Amino acid sequence: MTYSLTDLVGNIGVAMIVFAYFRLQIGRWRSRDLPYLLFNLFGAILVVVSLVFDFNLSTMILQIFWIVISLVGLAHLYRDRHRMETGP
């Protein structure tokens, strides 16, 4: 087995997702914190990039859901912050 640049990219993405989840579990981040959402989003994107070169359907489906859920979280965060700035 050879270890390619795309493997590295995918592994960085996995590390980002696992790191975010770890920080959540030890109470350093909350599920609505911007870093948590961004680490999940960009981690999943990096895994998708690696999947373009070495495709796995199950993993691709998981990453697409991970990206969508992260985007939903970011939209909620933006909406909540916008409401706080503009008032009720």
Protein backbone atom coordinates (compact mmCIF):
# COMPACT_ATOMS: atom_id res chain seq x y z
CA MET A 1 0.00 0.00 0.00
CA THR A 2 1.30 3.44 -0.88
CA TYR A 3 0.54 6.53 1.12
CA SER A 4 -0.37 9.39 -1.21
CA LEU A 5 -1.01 13.09 -0.77
CA THR A 6 -4.75 12.42 -0.97
CA ASP A 7 -4.41 9.91 1.88
CA LEU A 8 -2.74 12.63 3.92
CA VAL A 9 -5.52 15.10 3.10
CA GLY A 10 -8.17 12.58 4.14
CA ASN A 11 -6.33 11.73 7.35
CA ILE A 12 -6.05 15.40 8.26
CA GLY A 13 -9.80 15.65 7.74
CA VAL A 14 -10.43 12.66 9.99
CA ALA A 15 -8.12 14.13 12.62
CA MET A 16 -10.04 17.43 12.51
CA ILE A 17 -13.38 15.67 13.02
CA VAL A 18 -12.07 13.50 15.86
CA PHE A 19 -10.34 16.49 17.49
CA ALA A 20 -13.57 18.50 17.39
CA TYR A 21 -15.53 15.63 18.90
CA PHE A 22 -12.91 15.17 21.62
CA ARG A 23 -13.04 18.87 22.51
CA LEU A 24 -16.83 18.63 22.68
CA GLN A 25 -16.70 15.59 24.97
CA ILE A 26 -14.24 17.15 27.43
CA GLY A 27 -16.33 20.31 27.61
CA ARG A 28 -13.90 22.65 25.86
CA TRP A 29 -16.28 23.30 22.98
CA ARG A 30 -20.04 23.33 22.71
CA SER A 31 -21.95 22.04 19.72
CA ARG A 32 -22.84 25.60 18.70
CA ASP A 33 -19.28 26.95 18.93
CA LEU A 34 -17.87 28.23 15.66
CA PRO A 35 -14.60 26.25 15.91
CA TYR A 36 -16.50 23.01 16.50
CA LEU A 37 -18.69 23.58 13.45
CA LEU A 38 -15.80 24.66 11.23
CA PHE A 39 -13.55 21.75 12.22
CA ASN A 40 -16.38 19.36 11.38
CA LEU A 41 -17.18 21.08 8.08
CA PHE A 42 -13.62 21.37 6.81
CA GLY A 43 -12.66 17.96 8.15
CA ALA A 44 -15.50 16.39 6.19
CA ILE A 45 -14.57 18.37 3.08
CA LEU A 46 -10.99 17.09 3.29
CA VAL A 47 -12.25 13.51 3.59
CA VAL A 48 -14.44 14.08 0.50
CA VAL A 49 -11.40 15.37 -1.39
CA SER A 50 -9.56 12.14 -0.59
CA LEU A 51 -12.62 10.11 -1.62
CA VAL A 52 -12.55 11.65 -5.09
CA PHE A 53 -9.32 9.73 -5.67
CA ASP A 54 -10.17 6.55 -3.74
CA PHE A 55 -13.97 6.30 -3.68
CA ASN A 56 -15.99 4.57 -0.98
CA LEU A 57 -19.76 5.08 -1.20
CA SER A 58 -20.54 4.57 2.50
CA THR A 59 -17.88 7.03 3.58
CA MET A 60 -18.99 9.56 0.95
CA ILE A 61 -22.59 9.38 2.18
CA LEU A 62 -21.43 9.90 5.76
CA GLN A 63 -19.31 12.91 4.80
CA ILE A 64 -22.11 14.51 2.77
CA PHE A 65 -24.39 14.27 5.82
CA TRP A 66 -21.57 15.60 8.02
CA ILE A 67 -21.18 18.62 5.72
CA VAL A 68 -24.92 19.30 5.56
CA ILE A 69 -25.32 19.03 9.33
CA SER A 70 -22.34 21.36 9.85
CA LEU A 71 -23.83 23.88 7.44
CA VAL A 72 -27.17 23.72 9.27
CA GLY A 73 -25.32 24.39 12.54
CA LEU A 74 -23.49 27.34 10.99
CA ALA A 75 -26.77 28.74 9.66
CA HIS A 76 -28.32 28.50 13.13
CA LEU A 77 -25.28 30.16 14.67
CA TYR A 78 -25.44 32.99 12.13
CA ARG A 79 -29.18 33.41 12.68
CA ASP A 80 -28.80 33.50 16.46
CA ARG A 81 -25.95 36.02 16.33
CA HIS A 82 -27.86 38.18 13.86
CA ARG A 83 -30.89 38.20 16.19
CA MET A 84 -28.72 39.21 19.14
CA GLU A 85 -27.22 42.10 17.18
CA THR A 86 -30.53 43.42 15.83
CA GLY A 87 -32.62 42.77 18.93
CA PRO A 88 -35.99 41.04 19.25
